C-alpha atoms as a PDB file:
ATOM      1  CA  UNK A   1     156.060  54.841  69.217  1.00  0.00           C
ATOM      2  CA  UNK A   2     156.617  55.728  65.473  1.00  0.00           C
ATOM      3  CA  UNK A   3     153.232  58.138  65.899  1.00  0.00           C
ATOM      4  CA  UNK A   4     154.600  59.613  68.863  1.00  0.00           C
ATOM      5  CA  UNK A   5     157.872  60.528  66.741  1.00  0.00           C
ATOM      6  CA  UNK A   6     155.864  61.731  64.056  1.00  0.00           C
ATOM      7  CA  UNK A   7     153.629  63.971  66.266  1.00  0.00           C
ATOM      8  CA  UNK A   8     157.092  65.433  67.805  1.00  0.00           C
ATOM      9  CA  UNK A   9     158.357  66.148  64.231  1.00  0.00           C
ATOM     10  CA  UNK A  10     155.337  67.987  62.957  1.00  0.00           C
ATOM     11  CA  UNK A  11     154.644  69.960  66.257  1.00  0.00           C
ATOM     12  CA  UNK A  12     158.602  70.981  65.860  1.00  0.00           C
ATOM     13  CA  UNK A  13     157.793  71.973  62.335  1.00  0.00           C
ATOM     14  CA  UNK A  14     154.605  74.261  63.018  1.00  0.00           C
ATOM     15  CA  UNK A  15     156.476  75.880  66.048  1.00  0.00           C
ATOM     16  CA  UNK A  16     159.364  76.692  63.723  1.00  0.00           C
ATOM     17  CA  UNK A  17     157.049  77.961  60.898  1.00  0.00           C
ATOM     18  CA  UNK A  18     154.975  79.800  63.396  1.00  0.00           C
ATOM     19  CA  UNK A  19     157.983  81.624  64.902  1.00  0.00           C
ATOM     20  CA  UNK A  20     159.373  82.490  61.524  1.00  0.00           C
ATOM     21  CA  UNK A  21     155.861  83.934  60.471  1.00  0.00           C
ATOM     22  CA  UNK A  22     155.851  85.971  63.705  1.00  0.00           C
ATOM     23  CA  UNK A  23     159.165  87.333  63.389  1.00  0.00           C
ATOM     24  CA  UNK A  24     158.745  88.194  59.686  1.00  0.00           C
ATOM     25  CA  UNK A  25     155.338  90.210  60.893  1.00  0.00           C
ATOM     26  CA  UNK A  26     156.727  91.585  63.798  1.00  0.00           C
ATOM     27  CA  UNK A  27     160.001  92.990  62.240  1.00  0.00           C
ATOM     28  CA  UNK A  28     160.141  96.610  62.954  1.00  0.00           C
ATOM     29  CA  UNK A  29     159.921  99.048  60.063  1.00  0.00           C
ATOM     30  CA  UNK A  30     161.062 102.716  60.302  1.00  0.00           C
ATOM     31  CA  UNK A  31     160.003 105.706  58.309  1.00  0.00           C
ATOM     32  CA  UNK A  32     161.439 109.427  58.801  1.00  0.00           C
ATOM     33  CA  UNK A  33     158.321 111.319  58.691  1.00  0.00           C
ATOM     34  CA  UNK A  34     159.588 114.764  60.272  1.00  0.00           C
ATOM     35  CA  UNK A  35     162.800 116.658  60.835  1.00  0.00           C
ATOM     36  CA  UNK A  36     163.139 119.727  62.960  1.00  0.00           C
ATOM     37  CA  UNK A  37     166.176 121.903  63.381  1.00  0.00           C
ATOM     38  CA  UNK A  38     167.990 123.836  66.064  1.00  0.00           C
ATOM     39  CA  UNK A  39     170.572 125.822  64.325  1.00  0.00           C
ATOM     40  CA  UNK A  40     172.782 128.149  66.299  1.00  0.00           C
ATOM     41  CA  UNK A  41     174.057 130.755  63.668  1.00  0.00           C
ATOM     42  CA  UNK A  42     172.926 132.132  60.526  1.00  0.00           C
ATOM     43  CA  UNK A  43     172.686 128.988  58.625  1.00  0.00           C
ATOM     44  CA  UNK A  44     169.305 128.845  56.739  1.00  0.00           C
ATOM     45  CA  UNK A  45     167.438 126.171  57.648  1.00  0.00           C
ATOM     46  CA  UNK A  46     166.149 125.466  53.964  1.00  0.00           C
ATOM     47  CA  UNK A  47     169.549 125.573  52.732  1.00  0.00           C
ATOM     48  CA  UNK A  48     170.745 123.045  55.474  1.00  0.00           C
ATOM     49  CA  UNK A  49     167.814 120.791  54.780  1.00  0.00           C
ATOM     50  CA  UNK A  50     168.466 120.816  50.932  1.00  0.00           C
ATOM     51  CA  UNK A  51     172.132 119.823  51.711  1.00  0.00           C
ATOM     52  CA  UNK A  52     171.235 116.974  53.925  1.00  0.00           C
ATOM     53  CA  UNK A  53     168.803 115.419  51.900  1.00  0.00           C
ATOM     54  CA  UNK A  54     166.873 113.450  54.373  1.00  0.00           C
ATOM     55  CA  UNK A  55     165.101 110.670  52.493  1.00  0.00           C
ATOM     56  CA  UNK A  56     161.673 111.188  53.914  1.00  0.00           C
ATOM     57  CA  UNK A  57     160.177 108.538  51.587  1.00  0.00           C
ATOM     58  CA  UNK A  58     162.316 105.531  52.212  1.00  0.00           C
ATOM     59  CA  UNK A  59     161.070 102.429  54.354  1.00  0.00           C
ATOM     60  CA  UNK A  60     163.968 100.974  56.441  1.00  0.00           C
ATOM     61  CA  UNK A  61     163.259  97.274  57.156  1.00  0.00           C
ATOM     62  CA  UNK A  62     164.766  96.783  60.085  1.00  0.00           C
ATOM     63  CA  UNK A  63     166.887  98.605  63.040  1.00  0.00           C
ATOM     64  CA  UNK A  64     170.058  97.933  61.786  1.00  0.00           C
ATOM     65  CA  UNK A  65     169.405  99.457  58.150  1.00  0.00           C
ATOM     66  CA  UNK A  66     167.598 102.631  60.002  1.00  0.00           C
ATOM     67  CA  UNK A  67     170.999 102.675  62.548  1.00  0.00           C
ATOM     68  CA  UNK A  68     173.183 102.968  59.426  1.00  0.00           C
ATOM     69  CA  UNK A  69     171.489 105.560  57.635  1.00  0.00           C
ATOM     70  CA  UNK A  70     171.534 107.673  60.780  1.00  0.00           C
ATOM     71  CA  UNK A  71     175.506 107.061  61.240  1.00  0.00           C
ATOM     72  CA  UNK A  72     175.718 108.139  57.537  1.00  0.00           C
ATOM     73  CA  UNK A  73     173.648 111.509  58.435  1.00  0.00           C
ATOM     74  CA  UNK A  74     175.918 112.094  61.320  1.00  0.00           C
ATOM     75  CA  UNK A  75     178.948 111.575  59.752  1.00  0.00           C
ATOM     76  CA  UNK A  76     177.734 114.259  56.901  1.00  0.00           C
ATOM     77  CA  UNK A  77     177.248 116.492  59.470  1.00  0.00           C
ATOM     78  CA  UNK A  78     180.591 116.257  61.303  1.00  0.00           C
ATOM     79  CA  UNK A  79     182.520 116.380  58.092  1.00  0.00           C
ATOM     80  CA  UNK A  80     181.115 119.877  57.094  1.00  0.00           C
ATOM     81  CA  UNK A  81     183.640 122.217  58.254  1.00  0.00           C
ATOM     82  CA  UNK A  82     181.126 125.146  59.122  1.00  0.00           C
ATOM     83  CA  UNK A  83     179.980 123.471  62.229  1.00  0.00           C
ATOM     84  CA  UNK A  84     181.704 122.916  65.158  1.00  0.00           C
ATOM     85  CA  UNK A  85     178.928 120.949  67.014  1.00  0.00           C
ATOM     86  CA  UNK A  86     176.295 118.909  65.492  1.00  0.00           C
ATOM     87  CA  UNK A  87     173.732 116.296  67.024  1.00  0.00           C
ATOM     88  CA  UNK A  88     171.009 114.057  65.730  1.00  0.00           C
ATOM     89  CA  UNK A  89     168.240 113.260  68.069  1.00  0.00           C
ATOM     90  CA  UNK A  90     165.684 110.348  67.241  1.00  0.00           C
ATOM     91  CA  UNK A  91     162.315 110.305  68.541  1.00  0.00           C
ATOM     92  CA  UNK A  92     160.284 107.235  67.841  1.00  0.00           C
ATOM     93  CA  UNK A  93     156.465 107.527  67.430  1.00  0.00           C
ATOM     94  CA  UNK A  94     153.651 104.873  67.686  1.00  0.00           C
ATOM     95  CA  UNK A  95     154.155 101.833  65.471  1.00  0.00           C
ATOM     96  CA  UNK A  96     151.023 101.678  62.779  1.00  0.00           C
ATOM     97  CA  UNK A  97     149.449  98.295  63.575  1.00  0.00           C
ATOM     98  CA  UNK A  98     148.512  97.902  59.746  1.00  0.00           C
ATOM     99  CA  UNK A  99     151.826  98.673  57.978  1.00  0.00           C
ATOM    100  CA  UNK A 100     154.330  97.897  60.620  1.00  0.00           C
ATOM    101  CA  UNK A 101     155.791 101.103  60.201  1.00  0.00           C
ATOM    102  CA  UNK A 102     157.107 103.192  63.419  1.00  0.00           C
ATOM    103  CA  UNK A 103     157.428 106.851  62.259  1.00  0.00           C
ATOM    104  CA  UNK A 104     160.535 108.624  63.480  1.00  0.00           C
ATOM    105  CA  UNK A 105     161.132 112.353  64.219  1.00  0.00           C
ATOM    106  CA  UNK A 106     164.800 113.933  63.787  1.00  0.00           C
ATOM    107  CA  UNK A 107     165.921 117.001  65.757  1.00  0.00           C
ATOM    108  CA  UNK A 108     168.987 118.346  64.202  1.00  0.00           C
ATOM    109  CA  UNK A 109     171.061 120.419  66.142  1.00  0.00           C
ATOM    110  CA  UNK A 110     174.283 122.588  64.839  1.00  0.00           C
ATOM    111  CA  UNK A 111     176.539 125.295  65.937  1.00  0.00           C
ATOM    112  CA  UNK A 112     178.330 127.207  63.702  1.00  0.00           C
ATOM    113  CA  UNK A 113     182.337 127.731  64.032  1.00  0.00           C
ATOM    114  CA  UNK A 114     184.332 130.793  62.818  1.00  0.00           C
ATOM    115  CA  UNK A 115     183.852 130.596  59.153  1.00  0.00           C
ATOM    116  CA  UNK A 116     185.755 134.015  57.953  1.00  0.00           C
ATOM    117  CA  UNK A 117     189.491 134.055  57.444  1.00  0.00           C
ATOM    118  CA  UNK A 118     191.546 136.944  56.028  1.00  0.00           C
ATOM    119  CA  UNK A 119     195.129 135.733  54.795  1.00  0.00           C
ATOM    120  CA  UNK A 120     197.878 138.018  52.824  1.00  0.00           C
ATOM    121  CA  UNK A 121     199.501 136.262  50.079  1.00  0.00           C
ATOM    122  CA  UNK A 122     202.927 138.091  49.021  1.00  0.00           C
ATOM    123  CA  UNK A 123     204.530 136.944  45.965  1.00  0.00           C
ATOM    124  CA  UNK A 124     207.838 137.993  44.444  1.00  0.00           C
ATOM    125  CA  UNK A 125     208.924 137.347  40.819  1.00  0.00           C
ATOM    126  CA  UNK A 126     212.394 138.554  39.418  1.00  0.00           C
ATOM    127  CA  UNK A 127     210.737 138.625  35.891  1.00  0.00           C
ATOM    128  CA  UNK A 128     207.256 140.262  36.613  1.00  0.00           C
ATOM    129  CA  UNK A 129     207.566 142.111  39.688  1.00  0.00           C
ATOM    130  CA  UNK A 130     205.914 142.008  43.102  1.00  0.00           C
ATOM    131  CA  UNK A 131     202.367 141.081  44.195  1.00  0.00           C
ATOM    132  CA  UNK A 132     200.708 141.348  47.526  1.00  0.00           C
ATOM    133  CA  UNK A 133     197.080 139.793  47.860  1.00  0.00           C
ATOM    134  CA  UNK A 134     194.881 140.021  50.585  1.00  0.00           C
ATOM    135  CA  UNK A 135     192.188 137.340  50.513  1.00  0.00           C
ATOM    136  CA  UNK A 136     188.898 137.235  52.663  1.00  0.00           C
ATOM    137  CA  UNK A 137     187.117 134.070  52.566  1.00  0.00           C
ATOM    138  CA  UNK A 138     183.679 133.268  54.064  1.00  0.00           C
ATOM    139  CA  UNK A 139     182.783 129.538  54.221  1.00  0.00           C
ATOM    140  CA  UNK A 140     179.078 130.160  55.000  1.00  0.00           C
ATOM    141  CA  UNK A 141     178.031 133.476  53.048  1.00  0.00           C
ATOM    142  CA  UNK A 142     174.827 134.762  54.321  1.00  0.00           C
ATOM    143  CA  UNK A 143     174.023 131.778  55.689  1.00  0.00           C
ATOM    144  CA  UNK A 144     174.197 129.927  52.293  1.00  0.00           C
ATOM    145  CA  UNK A 145     176.647 127.030  53.296  1.00  0.00           C
ATOM    146  CA  UNK A 146     178.586 128.356  49.943  1.00  0.00           C
ATOM    147  CA  UNK A 147     181.901 130.117  49.839  1.00  0.00           C
ATOM    148  CA  UNK A 148     182.523 133.738  49.312  1.00  0.00           C
ATOM    149  CA  UNK A 149     185.960 134.817  48.282  1.00  0.00           C
ATOM    150  CA  UNK A 150     187.042 138.650  47.974  1.00  0.00           C
ATOM    151  CA  UNK A 151     190.601 139.344  46.771  1.00  0.00           C
ATOM    152  CA  UNK A 152     192.311 142.628  46.908  1.00  0.00           C
ATOM    153  CA  UNK A 153     195.834 143.018  44.938  1.00  0.00           C
ATOM    154  CA  UNK A 154     198.607 145.243  44.702  1.00  0.00           C
ATOM    155  CA  UNK A 155     201.075 144.451  41.478  1.00  0.00           C
ATOM    156  CA  UNK A 156     204.097 146.342  40.912  1.00  0.00           C
ATOM    157  CA  UNK A 157     204.667 145.099  37.324  1.00  0.00           C
ATOM    158  CA  UNK A 158     208.196 145.221  36.049  1.00  0.00           C
ATOM    159  CA  UNK A 159     208.158 142.990  32.980  1.00  0.00           C
ATOM    160  CA  UNK A 160     207.608 146.122  30.711  1.00  0.00           C
ATOM    161  CA  UNK A 161     208.723 149.505  30.461  1.00  0.00           C
ATOM    162  CA  UNK A 162     207.431 151.830  31.991  1.00  0.00           C
ATOM    163  CA  UNK A 163     206.904 149.635  35.062  1.00  0.00           C
ATOM    164  CA  UNK A 164     203.406 149.903  36.508  1.00  0.00           C
ATOM    165  CA  UNK A 165     201.193 149.779  39.861  1.00  0.00           C
ATOM    166  CA  UNK A 166     198.174 148.014  39.334  1.00  0.00           C
ATOM    167  CA  UNK A 167     195.453 147.356  41.717  1.00  0.00           C
ATOM    168  CA  UNK A 168     192.745 145.068  41.586  1.00  0.00           C
ATOM    169  CA  UNK A 169     189.679 143.471  43.150  1.00  0.00           C
ATOM    170  CA  UNK A 170     188.044 140.035  42.477  1.00  0.00           C
ATOM    171  CA  UNK A 171     184.835 138.264  44.078  1.00  0.00           C
ATOM    172  CA  UNK A 172     182.892 135.222  43.300  1.00  0.00           C
ATOM    173  CA  UNK A 173     179.769 133.728  45.274  1.00  0.00           C
ATOM    174  CA  UNK A 174     177.005 131.664  44.857  1.00  0.00           C
ATOM    175  CA  UNK A 175     173.655 132.565  46.459  1.00  0.00           C
ATOM    176  CA  UNK A 176     170.996 129.948  46.754  1.00  0.00           C
ATOM    177  CA  UNK A 177     167.304 130.886  47.497  1.00  0.00           C
ATOM    178  CA  UNK A 178     163.739 129.199  47.375  1.00  0.00           C
ATOM    179  CA  UNK A 179     160.999 130.371  44.991  1.00  0.00           C
ATOM    180  CA  UNK A 180     157.556 128.434  46.064  1.00  0.00           C
ATOM    181  CA  UNK A 181     158.889 124.831  45.728  1.00  0.00           C
ATOM    182  CA  UNK A 182     162.070 125.576  43.466  1.00  0.00           C
ATOM    183  CA  UNK A 183     165.700 126.007  44.170  1.00  0.00           C
ATOM    184  CA  UNK A 184     167.419 128.743  42.435  1.00  0.00           C
ATOM    185  CA  UNK A 185     171.162 129.163  42.227  1.00  0.00           C
ATOM    186  CA  UNK A 186     172.598 132.615  41.348  1.00  0.00           C
ATOM    187  CA  UNK A 187     176.270 132.463  40.530  1.00  0.00           C
ATOM    188  CA  UNK A 188     178.131 135.862  40.431  1.00  0.00           C
ATOM    189  CA  UNK A 189     181.865 136.848  39.613  1.00  0.00           C
ATOM    190  CA  UNK A 190     183.556 140.320  39.528  1.00  0.00           C
ATOM    191  CA  UNK A 191     186.945 140.991  38.109  1.00  0.00           C
ATOM    192  CA  UNK A 192     188.174 144.737  38.247  1.00  0.00           C
ATOM    193  CA  UNK A 193     191.815 146.133  37.761  1.00  0.00           C
ATOM    194  CA  UNK A 194     193.228 149.514  37.066  1.00  0.00           C
ATOM    195  CA  UNK A 195     196.701 150.405  36.131  1.00  0.00           C
ATOM    196  CA  UNK A 196     197.822 153.683  37.905  1.00  0.00           C
ATOM    197  CA  UNK A 197     199.112 155.477  35.245  1.00  0.00           C
ATOM    198  CA  UNK A 198     197.637 158.244  32.990  1.00  0.00           C
ATOM    199  CA  UNK A 199     196.191 156.551  29.847  1.00  0.00           C
ATOM    200  CA  UNK A 200     195.293 153.255  31.099  1.00  0.00           C
ATOM    201  CA  UNK A 201     191.681 152.606  31.033  1.00  0.00           C
ATOM    202  CA  UNK A 202     190.161 150.189  33.798  1.00  0.00           C
ATOM    203  CA  UNK A 203     189.867 146.353  33.283  1.00  0.00           C
ATOM    204  CA  UNK A 204     186.263 145.018  34.095  1.00  0.00           C
ATOM    205  CA  UNK A 205     184.837 141.650  33.775  1.00  0.00           C
ATOM    206  CA  UNK A 206     181.076 140.767  35.244  1.00  0.00           C
ATOM    207  CA  UNK A 207     179.356 137.507  35.142  1.00  0.00           C
ATOM    208  CA  UNK A 208     176.028 136.222  36.328  1.00  0.00           C
ATOM    209  CA  UNK A 209     174.293 132.975  36.068  1.00  0.00           C
ATOM    210  CA  UNK A 210     170.921 132.094  37.308  1.00  0.00           C
ATOM    211  CA  UNK A 211     169.471 128.388  37.268  1.00  0.00           C
ATOM    212  CA  UNK A 212     166.537 126.144  38.324  1.00  0.00           C
ATOM    213  CA  UNK A 213     166.150 122.478  38.490  1.00  0.00           C
ATOM    214  CA  UNK A 214     162.578 121.403  37.704  1.00  0.00           C
ATOM    215  CA  UNK A 215     161.881 118.004  38.775  1.00  0.00           C
ATOM    216  CA  UNK A 216     159.680 115.848  36.299  1.00  0.00           C
ATOM    217  CA  UNK A 217     159.396 112.871  38.124  1.00  0.00           C
ATOM    218  CA  UNK A 218     161.411 110.691  40.715  1.00  0.00           C
ATOM    219  CA  UNK A 219     164.128 109.873  37.599  1.00  0.00           C
ATOM    220  CA  UNK A 220     164.124 112.981  35.440  1.00  0.00           C
ATOM    221  CA  UNK A 221     164.233 116.621  35.623  1.00  0.00           C
ATOM    222  CA  UNK A 222     164.983 119.670  33.499  1.00  0.00           C
ATOM    223  CA  UNK A 223     167.668 122.435  33.948  1.00  0.00           C
ATOM    224  CA  UNK A 224     166.896 126.340  32.993  1.00  0.00           C
ATOM    225  CA  UNK A 225     169.656 128.566  33.230  1.00  0.00           C
ATOM    226  CA  UNK A 226     170.448 132.295  31.799  1.00  0.00           C
ATOM    227  CA  UNK A 227     173.707 133.915  32.174  1.00  0.00           C
ATOM    228  CA  UNK A 228     175.414 137.214  31.302  1.00  0.00           C
ATOM    229  CA  UNK A 229     178.660 138.643  30.810  1.00  0.00           C
ATOM    230  CA  UNK A 230     180.048 142.424  30.504  1.00  0.00           C
ATOM    231  CA  UNK A 231     183.782 143.053  29.855  1.00  0.00           C
ATOM    232  CA  UNK A 232     185.746 146.366  29.394  1.00  0.00           C
ATOM    233  CA  UNK A 233     188.958 145.977  28.228  1.00  0.00           C
ATOM    234  CA  UNK A 234     191.689 148.344  28.942  1.00  0.00           C
ATOM    235  CA  UNK A 235     192.072 149.674  25.223  1.00  0.00           C
ATOM    236  CA  UNK A 236     188.650 150.779  25.578  1.00  0.00           C
ATOM    237  CA  UNK A 237     186.932 147.639  24.139  1.00  0.00           C
ATOM    238  CA  UNK A 238     183.539 146.670  25.722  1.00  0.00           C
ATOM    239  CA  UNK A 239     181.383 144.061  24.870  1.00  0.00           C
ATOM    240  CA  UNK A 240     178.425 142.067  26.227  1.00  0.00           C
ATOM    241  CA  UNK A 241     176.807 138.772  26.211  1.00  0.00           C
ATOM    242  CA  UNK A 242     173.654 136.711  27.069  1.00  0.00           C
ATOM    243  CA  UNK A 243     172.621 133.275  26.802  1.00  0.00           C
ATOM    244  CA  UNK A 244     170.122 130.884  28.053  1.00  0.00           C
ATOM    245  CA  UNK A 245     169.935 126.913  27.947  1.00  0.00           C
ATOM    246  CA  UNK A 246     167.693 124.269  28.761  1.00  0.00           C
ATOM    247  CA  UNK A 247     169.007 120.654  29.542  1.00  0.00           C
ATOM    248  CA  UNK A 248     167.024 117.217  30.395  1.00  0.00           C
ATOM    249  CA  UNK A 249     168.401 114.548  32.543  1.00  0.00           C
ATOM    250  CA  UNK A 250     167.378 111.070  33.502  1.00  0.00           C
ATOM    251  CA  UNK A 251     168.425 108.710  35.877  1.00  0.00           C
ATOM    252  CA  UNK A 252     168.989 105.466  33.649  1.00  0.00           C
ATOM    253  CA  UNK A 253     170.018 102.904  36.507  1.00  0.00           C
ATOM    254  CA  UNK A 254     170.176 103.268  40.331  1.00  0.00           C
ATOM    255  CA  UNK A 255     172.614 100.208  41.005  1.00  0.00           C
ATOM    256  CA  UNK A 256     175.195 100.095  38.359  1.00  0.00           C
ATOM    257  CA  UNK A 257     178.019  97.264  38.882  1.00  0.00           C
ATOM    258  CA  UNK A 258     180.566  95.669  36.529  1.00  0.00           C
ATOM    259  CA  UNK A 259     182.222  92.697  37.107  1.00  0.00           C
ATOM    260  CA  UNK A 260     185.873  91.185  35.347  1.00  0.00           C
END
């Protein structure tokens, strides 16, 4: 009887161990190996792909972990105001018998909303006068997923004598583009105003900056930038500047936690 009990116990342990090992070896793993886009609108595919920054290297150890990543990705798309409709379709490939990894292809579809607005901003100040501003804003300038601002202003300035009529224009925008494997960001601003009275010269302020980030490895990168400015004051004073900068950055730790 004792031998029978031992046999039952050993057999049960063997079955349990075998089941555990089978579950470990048969656990499905996933990797995103391909991402395709179906974009309805002017958004550039390279800009959207960079903005989403989908991890094509990560191995997801189970279905739950992969589903959490998909949920985050869908939420990231839904929260972007330039799209009115988004979807992420998932296509599973054939599982690799040696690695246990199932390749996954994503098809991301987006439909843009109306991204341009025009808003008037009247303002009256008893001390300085009246200003009327018309603001044009584009939330997806040239398909870059970046904001473009254009302001037209008219000011009736009464704080000084003689009172003055001033017209102005301001614009600011950033254009990202790719050269080979590098992403370049071009920032610009233009600020111009003119007093409609003899003897007043126009005020002009121009700014432009271009920067590129060059990865060195998975944790470090270098940033190169160049910028220039030009200013013309109302008293005819003019000056310009040009500058360059190089910076190095490195991730010291990926997970930082503090406890009290």
